[in-house]
C-alpha atoms as a PDB file:
ATOM      1  CA  MET A   1      93.966 101.187  93.908  1.00  0.00           C
ATOM      2  CA  VAL A   2      95.121 100.409  90.878  1.00  0.00           C
ATOM      3  CA  GLY A   3      97.448 102.402  88.656  1.00  0.00           C
ATOM      4  CA  SER A   4      99.250 102.060  85.140  1.00  0.00           C
ATOM      5  CA  ALA A   5     102.930 102.032  86.210  1.00  0.00           C
ATOM      6  CA  PRO A   6     104.498  98.760  84.242  1.00  0.00           C
ATOM      7  CA  VAL A   7     104.817  96.890  87.192  1.00  0.00           C
ATOM      8  CA  SER A   8     101.830  95.733  90.082  1.00  0.00           C
ATOM      9  CA  ASN A   9     100.788  93.714  92.189  1.00  0.00           C
ATOM     10  CA  ARG A  10      97.665  91.743  92.878  1.00  0.00           C
ATOM     11  CA  PRO A  11      96.792  92.460  96.499  1.00  0.00           C
ATOM     12  CA  ALA A  12      97.555  90.006  99.385  1.00  0.00           C
ATOM     13  CA  GLY A  13      93.794  88.584 100.303  1.00  0.00           C
ATOM     14  CA  PHE A  14      92.378  90.174  97.688  1.00  0.00           C
ATOM     15  CA  ASP A  15      88.317  89.249  97.153  1.00  0.00           C
ATOM     16  CA  ALA A  16      85.071  90.416  96.817  1.00  0.00           C
ATOM     17  CA  ARG A  17      85.439  92.697 100.022  1.00  0.00           C
ATOM     18  CA  PHE A  18      87.667  95.043  98.211  1.00  0.00           C
ATOM     19  CA  ARG A  19      86.706  97.870  96.531  1.00  0.00           C
ATOM     20  CA  THR A  20      88.874  98.427  92.597  1.00  0.00           C
ATOM     21  CA  ILE A  21      89.459 101.714  91.829  1.00  0.00           C
ATOM     22  CA  THR A  22      91.742 102.333  88.626  1.00  0.00           C
ATOM     23  CA  VAL A  23      93.638 105.356  87.345  1.00  0.00           C
ATOM     24  CA  ASN A  24      92.999 105.546  83.228  1.00  0.00           C
ATOM     25  CA  GLY A  25      93.972 102.560  81.692  1.00  0.00           C
ATOM     26  CA  ALA A  26      95.015 100.219  84.396  1.00  0.00           C
ATOM     27  CA  GLN A  27      91.668  98.658  84.198  1.00  0.00           C
ATOM     28  CA  VAL A  28      93.885  96.343  81.196  1.00  0.00           C
ATOM     29  CA  VAL A  29      95.362  94.963  84.924  1.00  0.00           C
ATOM     30  CA  THR A  30      92.126  94.273  87.044  1.00  0.00           C
ATOM     31  CA  THR A  31      90.578  92.211  84.684  1.00  0.00           C
ATOM     32  CA  LYS A  32      93.306  89.729  84.468  1.00  0.00           C
ATOM     33  CA  TRP A  33      93.292  89.542  88.094  1.00  0.00           C
ATOM     34  CA  GLY A  34      89.153  88.369  87.373  1.00  0.00           C
ATOM     35  CA  VAL A  35      87.621  92.269  88.005  1.00  0.00           C
ATOM     36  CA  GLU A  36      84.613  92.464  85.259  1.00  0.00           C
ATOM     37  CA  ALA A  37      84.654  96.154  86.162  1.00  0.00           C
ATOM     38  CA  PRO A  38      86.011  98.297  88.709  1.00  0.00           C
ATOM     39  CA  ASP A  39      84.086 100.008  91.133  1.00  0.00           C
ATOM     40  CA  ILE A  40      85.950 103.058  90.061  1.00  0.00           C
ATOM     41  CA  THR A  41      87.627 104.162  87.296  1.00  0.00           C
ATOM     42  CA  PHE A  42      89.795 108.251  87.442  1.00  0.00           C
ATOM     43  CA  MET A  43      90.171 109.459  83.600  1.00  0.00           C
ATOM     44  CA  MET A  44      92.324 112.127  82.745  1.00  0.00           C
ATOM     45  CA  PHE A  45      90.513 114.495  80.519  1.00  0.00           C
ATOM     46  CA  ASN A  46      92.826 114.107  77.169  1.00  0.00           C
ATOM     47  CA  GLN A  47      92.334 110.217  77.493  1.00  0.00           C
ATOM     48  CA  VAL A  48      89.183 110.604  75.428  1.00  0.00           C
ATOM     49  CA  ARG A  49      90.233 112.184  72.501  1.00  0.00           C
ATOM     50  CA  GLY A  50      93.737 112.964  72.710  1.00  0.00           C
ATOM     51  CA  SER A  51      96.235 112.194  70.009  1.00  0.00           C
ATOM     52  CA  ASP A  52      99.500 111.320  71.582  1.00  0.00           C
ATOM     53  CA  PRO A  53     100.464 107.852  72.152  1.00  0.00           C
ATOM     54  CA  ASN A  54      99.238 107.657  75.910  1.00  0.00           C
ATOM     55  CA  ALA A  55      95.751 108.265  75.174  1.00  0.00           C
ATOM     56  CA  VAL A  56      95.555 106.305  71.485  1.00  0.00           C
ATOM     57  CA  GLU A  57      97.087 102.941  74.533  1.00  0.00           C
ATOM     58  CA  VAL A  58      94.275 103.865  76.465  1.00  0.00           C
ATOM     59  CA  ARG A  59      91.495 104.146  74.522  1.00  0.00           C
ATOM     60  CA  ARG A  60      92.189 101.499  72.498  1.00  0.00           C
ATOM     61  CA  VAL A  61      93.056  98.743  75.623  1.00  0.00           C
ATOM     62  CA  LEU A  62      89.686 100.434  77.204  1.00  0.00           C
ATOM     63  CA  LYS A  63      87.634  99.400  73.998  1.00  0.00           C
ATOM     64  CA  GLY A  64      84.293  98.016  74.667  1.00  0.00           C
ATOM     65  CA  GLN A  65      84.979  97.776  78.172  1.00  0.00           C
ATOM     66  CA  ARG A  66      82.991  99.320  81.277  1.00  0.00           C
ATOM     67  CA  THR A  67      83.215 100.733  84.634  1.00  0.00           C
ATOM     68  CA  GLY A  68      80.934 101.879  87.737  1.00  0.00           C
ATOM     69  CA  LEU A  69      81.490 105.529  88.448  1.00  0.00           C
ATOM     70  CA  LEU A  70      83.676 107.018  86.211  1.00  0.00           C
ATOM     71  CA  TYR A  71      85.153 110.288  87.133  1.00  0.00           C
ATOM     72  CA  VAL A  72      86.796 112.626  84.250  1.00  0.00           C
ATOM     73  CA  LEU A  73      89.121 115.203  85.683  1.00  0.00           C
ATOM     74  CA  LEU A  74      89.207 118.533  84.088  1.00  0.00           C
ATOM     75  CA  TRP A  75      86.973 118.015  81.339  1.00  0.00           C
ATOM     76  CA  ARG A  76      86.226 121.997  79.679  1.00  0.00           C
ATOM     77  CA  GLU A  77      83.845 120.611  76.771  1.00  0.00           C
ATOM     78  CA  GLY A  78      80.137 119.782  78.706  1.00  0.00           C
ATOM     79  CA  LEU A  79      78.459 116.561  79.445  1.00  0.00           C
ATOM     80  CA  ALA A  80      76.800 115.674  75.983  1.00  0.00           C
ATOM     81  CA  SER A  81      80.686 116.383  74.069  1.00  0.00           C
ATOM     82  CA  LEU A  82      82.227 114.177  76.907  1.00  0.00           C
ATOM     83  CA  GLN A  83      79.612 111.234  76.487  1.00  0.00           C
ATOM     84  CA  GLU A  84      79.910 111.327  72.527  1.00  0.00           C
ATOM     85  CA  GLY A  85      83.920 110.970  73.122  1.00  0.00           C
ATOM     86  CA  LEU A  86      83.242 107.628  75.453  1.00  0.00           C
ATOM     87  CA  SER A  87      80.827 106.705  73.247  1.00  0.00           C
ATOM     88  CA  ALA A  88      83.300 106.473  69.894  1.00  0.00           C
ATOM     89  CA  PHE A  89      85.685 103.951  71.739  1.00  0.00           C
ATOM     90  CA  ASP A  90      82.724 102.131  73.410  1.00  0.00           C
ATOM     91  CA  TYR A  91      83.461 102.746  76.671  1.00  0.00           C
ATOM     92  CA  HIS A  92      80.952 102.145  79.736  1.00  0.00           C
ATOM     93  CA  TYR A  93      79.903 103.335  83.085  1.00  0.00           C
ATOM     94  CA  ASP A  94      77.113 103.364  85.418  1.00  0.00           C
ATOM     95  CA  ASP A  95      77.713 106.972  86.297  1.00  0.00           C
ATOM     96  CA  LEU A  96      79.537 109.815  84.844  1.00  0.00           C
ATOM     97  CA  ARG A  97      80.875 112.843  86.788  1.00  0.00           C
ATOM     98  CA  ASN A  98      83.826 115.715  86.518  1.00  0.00           C
ATOM     99  CA  ILE A  99      85.769 116.505  88.794  1.00  0.00           C
ATOM    100  CA  ASP A 100      87.664 120.103  88.002  1.00  0.00           C
ATOM    101  CA  ARG A 101      90.536 121.737  88.868  1.00  0.00           C
ATOM    102  CA  TYR A 102      89.198 123.417  92.168  1.00  0.00           C
ATOM    103  CA  GLN A 103      88.138 120.332  93.207  1.00  0.00           C
ATOM    104  CA  ARG A 104      91.698 119.136  93.175  1.00  0.00           C
ATOM    105  CA  MET A 105      92.976 121.201  94.646  1.00  0.00           C
ATOM    106  CA  ALA A 106      90.370 120.854  97.914  1.00  0.00           C
ATOM    107  CA  LEU A 107      90.662 117.378  97.909  1.00  0.00           C
ATOM    108  CA  LEU A 108      94.608 117.799  98.507  1.00  0.00           C
ATOM    109  CA  ASP A 109      94.699 120.890 101.179  1.00  0.00           C
ATOM    110  CA  ARG A 110      91.906 119.209 103.073  1.00  0.00           C
ATOM    111  CA  LEU A 111      94.241 115.648 103.737  1.00  0.00           C
ATOM    112  CA  CYS A 112      97.773 116.955 103.521  1.00  0.00           C
ATOM    113  CA  GLY A 113      97.380 121.224 103.703  1.00  0.00           C
ATOM    114  CA  PHE A 114      99.133 121.908 100.509  1.00  0.00           C
ATOM    115  CA  LYS A 115      97.881 125.039  98.844  1.00  0.00           C
ATOM    116  CA  SER A 116      98.817 123.777  95.716  1.00  0.00           C
ATOM    117  CA  LEU A 117      97.258 126.450  93.069  1.00  0.00           C
ATOM    118  CA  GLU A 118      98.288 123.063  90.256  1.00  0.00           C
ATOM    119  CA  LEU A 119     100.353 126.602  88.107  1.00  0.00           C
ATOM    120  CA  ASP A 120     102.748 123.512  86.577  1.00  0.00           C
ATOM    121  CA  THR A 121     103.467 120.087  86.829  1.00  0.00           C
ATOM    122  CA  GLU A 122     105.674 119.721  89.558  1.00  0.00           C
ATOM    123  CA  SER A 123     102.896 121.449  91.777  1.00  0.00           C
ATOM    124  CA  LYS A 124      99.908 118.685  90.919  1.00  0.00           C
ATOM    125  CA  CYS A 125      99.679 115.009  91.804  1.00  0.00           C
ATOM    126  CA  SER A 126      99.423 112.159  89.866  1.00  0.00           C
ATOM    127  CA  ASN A 127      95.635 110.621  88.890  1.00  0.00           C
ATOM    128  CA  GLY A 128      96.648 107.537  91.047  1.00  0.00           C
ATOM    129  CA  ILE A 129      97.318 109.893  93.942  1.00  0.00           C
ATOM    130  CA  ASN A 130      94.076 112.130  93.398  1.00  0.00           C
ATOM    131  CA  ALA A 131      91.645 108.535  93.320  1.00  0.00           C
ATOM    132  CA  ALA A 132      93.621 107.423  96.628  1.00  0.00           C
ATOM    133  CA  LEU A 133      92.989 111.284  98.303  1.00  0.00           C
ATOM    134  CA  PHE A 134      89.679 110.264  97.041  1.00  0.00           C
ATOM    135  CA  ALA A 135      89.423 107.296  98.555  1.00  0.00           C
ATOM    136  CA  LEU A 136      90.897 108.279 102.021  1.00  0.00           C
ATOM    137  CA  TYR A 137      88.890 111.062 102.047  1.00  0.00           C
ATOM    138  CA  ASN A 138      85.148 109.034 101.387  1.00  0.00           C
ATOM    139  CA  GLY A 139      86.224 107.109 104.274  1.00  0.00           C
ATOM    140  CA  ALA A 140      88.255 104.209 102.827  1.00  0.00           C
ATOM    141  CA  PRO A 141      89.356 101.591 105.823  1.00  0.00           C
ATOM    142  CA  ALA A 142      92.970 101.150 104.046  1.00  0.00           C
ATOM    143  CA  VAL A 143      94.202 102.015 100.941  1.00  0.00           C
ATOM    144  CA  ILE A 144      96.296  99.665  98.878  1.00  0.00           C
ATOM    145  CA  LEU A 145      98.302 101.297  96.090  1.00  0.00           C
ATOM    146  CA  THR A 146      99.638  98.851  93.187  1.00  0.00           C
ATOM    147  CA  GLY A 147     101.027 100.168  89.966  1.00  0.00           C
ATOM    148  CA  ILE A 148     101.583 103.698  91.717  1.00  0.00           C
ATOM    149  CA  ASN A 149     105.297 104.034  91.955  1.00  0.00           C
ATOM    150  CA  PRO A 150     107.011 107.895  92.241  1.00  0.00           C
ATOM    151  CA  GLN A 151     110.061 106.246  91.073  1.00  0.00           C
ATOM    152  CA  ALA A 152     108.984 104.837  87.615  1.00  0.00           C
ATOM    153  CA  ASP A 153     108.380 105.726  84.087  1.00  0.00           C
ATOM    154  CA  GLY A 154     106.312 103.818  81.203  1.00  0.00           C
ATOM    155  CA  HIS A 155     102.979 102.279  81.787  1.00  0.00           C
ATOM    156  CA  ALA A 156     101.563  98.708  81.810  1.00  0.00           C
ATOM    157  CA  TYR A 157      99.618  98.907  78.726  1.00  0.00           C
ATOM    158  CA  ASN A 158     101.937 100.115  76.164  1.00  0.00           C
ATOM    159  CA  LYS A 159     106.016  99.779  75.901  1.00  0.00           C
ATOM    160  CA  GLU A 160     106.114 103.453  74.734  1.00  0.00           C
ATOM    161  CA  ASN A 161     107.935 103.998  78.072  1.00  0.00           C
ATOM    162  CA  GLN A 162     107.242 107.740  78.587  1.00  0.00           C
ATOM    163  CA  PRO A 163     108.598 109.730  81.344  1.00  0.00           C
ATOM    164  CA  ARG A 164     105.675 109.884  84.261  1.00  0.00           C
ATOM    165  CA  PHE A 165     105.065 112.927  85.735  1.00  0.00           C
ATOM    166  CA  HIS A 166     104.481 114.150  89.192  1.00  0.00           C
ATOM    167  CA  LYS A 167     107.396 112.317  90.910  1.00  0.00           C
ATOM    168  CA  ASP A 168     108.521 114.933  93.469  1.00  0.00           C
ATOM    169  CA  MET A 169     104.728 115.683  94.232  1.00  0.00           C
ATOM    170  CA  ASP A 170     103.440 112.098  94.772  1.00  0.00           C
ATOM    171  CA  ARG A 171     106.103 110.980  97.015  1.00  0.00           C
ATOM    172  CA  LYS A 172     105.861 113.895  99.143  1.00  0.00           C
ATOM    173  CA  VAL A 173     101.752 113.541  99.193  1.00  0.00           C
ATOM    174  CA  LEU A 174     102.540 109.939 100.228  1.00  0.00           C
ATOM    175  CA  GLU A 175     104.721 110.503 103.163  1.00  0.00           C
ATOM    176  CA  THR A 176     102.995 113.791 104.027  1.00  0.00           C
ATOM    177  CA  LEU A 177      99.533 110.998 104.412  1.00  0.00           C
ATOM    178  CA  LEU A 178     101.976 108.443 106.551  1.00  0.00           C
ATOM    179  CA  ASP A 179     103.321 111.353 108.725  1.00  0.00           C
ATOM    180  CA  LYS A 180      99.711 112.134 109.093  1.00  0.00           C
ATOM    181  CA  GLY A 181      98.496 108.275 110.130  1.00  0.00           C
ATOM    182  CA  TYR A 182      96.001 107.676 107.156  1.00  0.00           C
ATOM    183  CA  PRO A 183      95.529 103.699 106.584  1.00  0.00           C
ATOM    184  CA  ILE A 184      97.930 103.795 103.161  1.00  0.00           C
ATOM    185  CA  PHE A 185      99.771 100.338 101.840  1.00  0.00           C
ATOM    186  CA  THR A 186     101.634  99.239  99.061  1.00  0.00           C
ATOM    187  CA  ALA A 187     101.472  96.003  96.962  1.00  0.00           C
ATOM    188  CA  ASP A 188     104.389  96.554  95.401  1.00  0.00           C
ATOM    189  CA  LYS A 189     107.525  95.871  97.144  1.00  0.00           C
ATOM    190  CA  ASP A 190     109.572  97.890  95.238  1.00  0.00           C
ATOM    191  CA  VAL A 191     107.705 100.542  96.215  1.00  0.00           C
ATOM    192  CA  ALA A 192     107.429 100.029 100.269  1.00  0.00           C
ATOM    193  CA  ALA A 193     111.293 100.171 100.326  1.00  0.00           C
ATOM    194  CA  ALA A 194     111.563 102.520  98.286  1.00  0.00           C
ATOM    195  CA  VAL A 195     109.591 104.996  99.709  1.00  0.00           C
ATOM    196  CA  GLY A 196     108.834 104.280 103.292  1.00  0.00           C
ATOM    197  CA  ILE A 197     104.596 102.787 102.532  1.00  0.00           C
ATOM    198  CA  PRO A 198     103.940  99.937 104.167  1.00  0.00           C
ATOM    199  CA  LEU A 199     103.514  96.387 102.609  1.00  0.00           C
ATOM    200  CA  TRP A 200      99.958  95.354 102.603  1.00  0.00           C
ATOM    201  CA  THR A 201     100.177  91.584 103.624  1.00  0.00           C
ATOM    202  CA  GLY A 202      96.443  90.929 104.313  1.00  0.00           C
ATOM    203  CA  ASP A 203      95.980  92.852 107.115  1.00  0.00           C
ATOM    204  CA  ALA A 204      94.785  96.523 107.913  1.00  0.00           C
END
């Protein structure tokens, strides 16, 4: 599970047995690992046509790339419009699906027991944490996070050092998952030390 925080690390023992999930522009990291295309990518709707610096950078680093299954979160303009938006920056996929607000809310409730209406930034998880919840819900034997740091600002694919939202909620979700015994790990030593997530050493 590769997020776009500035620091990320290839998990110990990473090989073809692993399934790779990236978030927004984090594919720039896995490409350096020799991964031709992630198995799954989670992308927030505003990355497709947004004009803010982060969205522009996401499209720049993903131009001409591809993924397996692409989940776009909270897209409301119809499938044809989404396909056109992705085609505009030459991003390809084997399958394309949308995730709406209610599906995100239900997933958080199912795994953590949190009743969130997502009415403000503080009550929402980051895309990386939503992707981790998805993997756990679908039976992943271990979910290894990298580039997902509740304490970090900035992104791996630009130098804007933009603030990262959802920090408190992300930390709360991670702590709850650990308390419930879910097999969640991090490949990032600083995150392991700060948040208490077990450091992945190659064995679940």
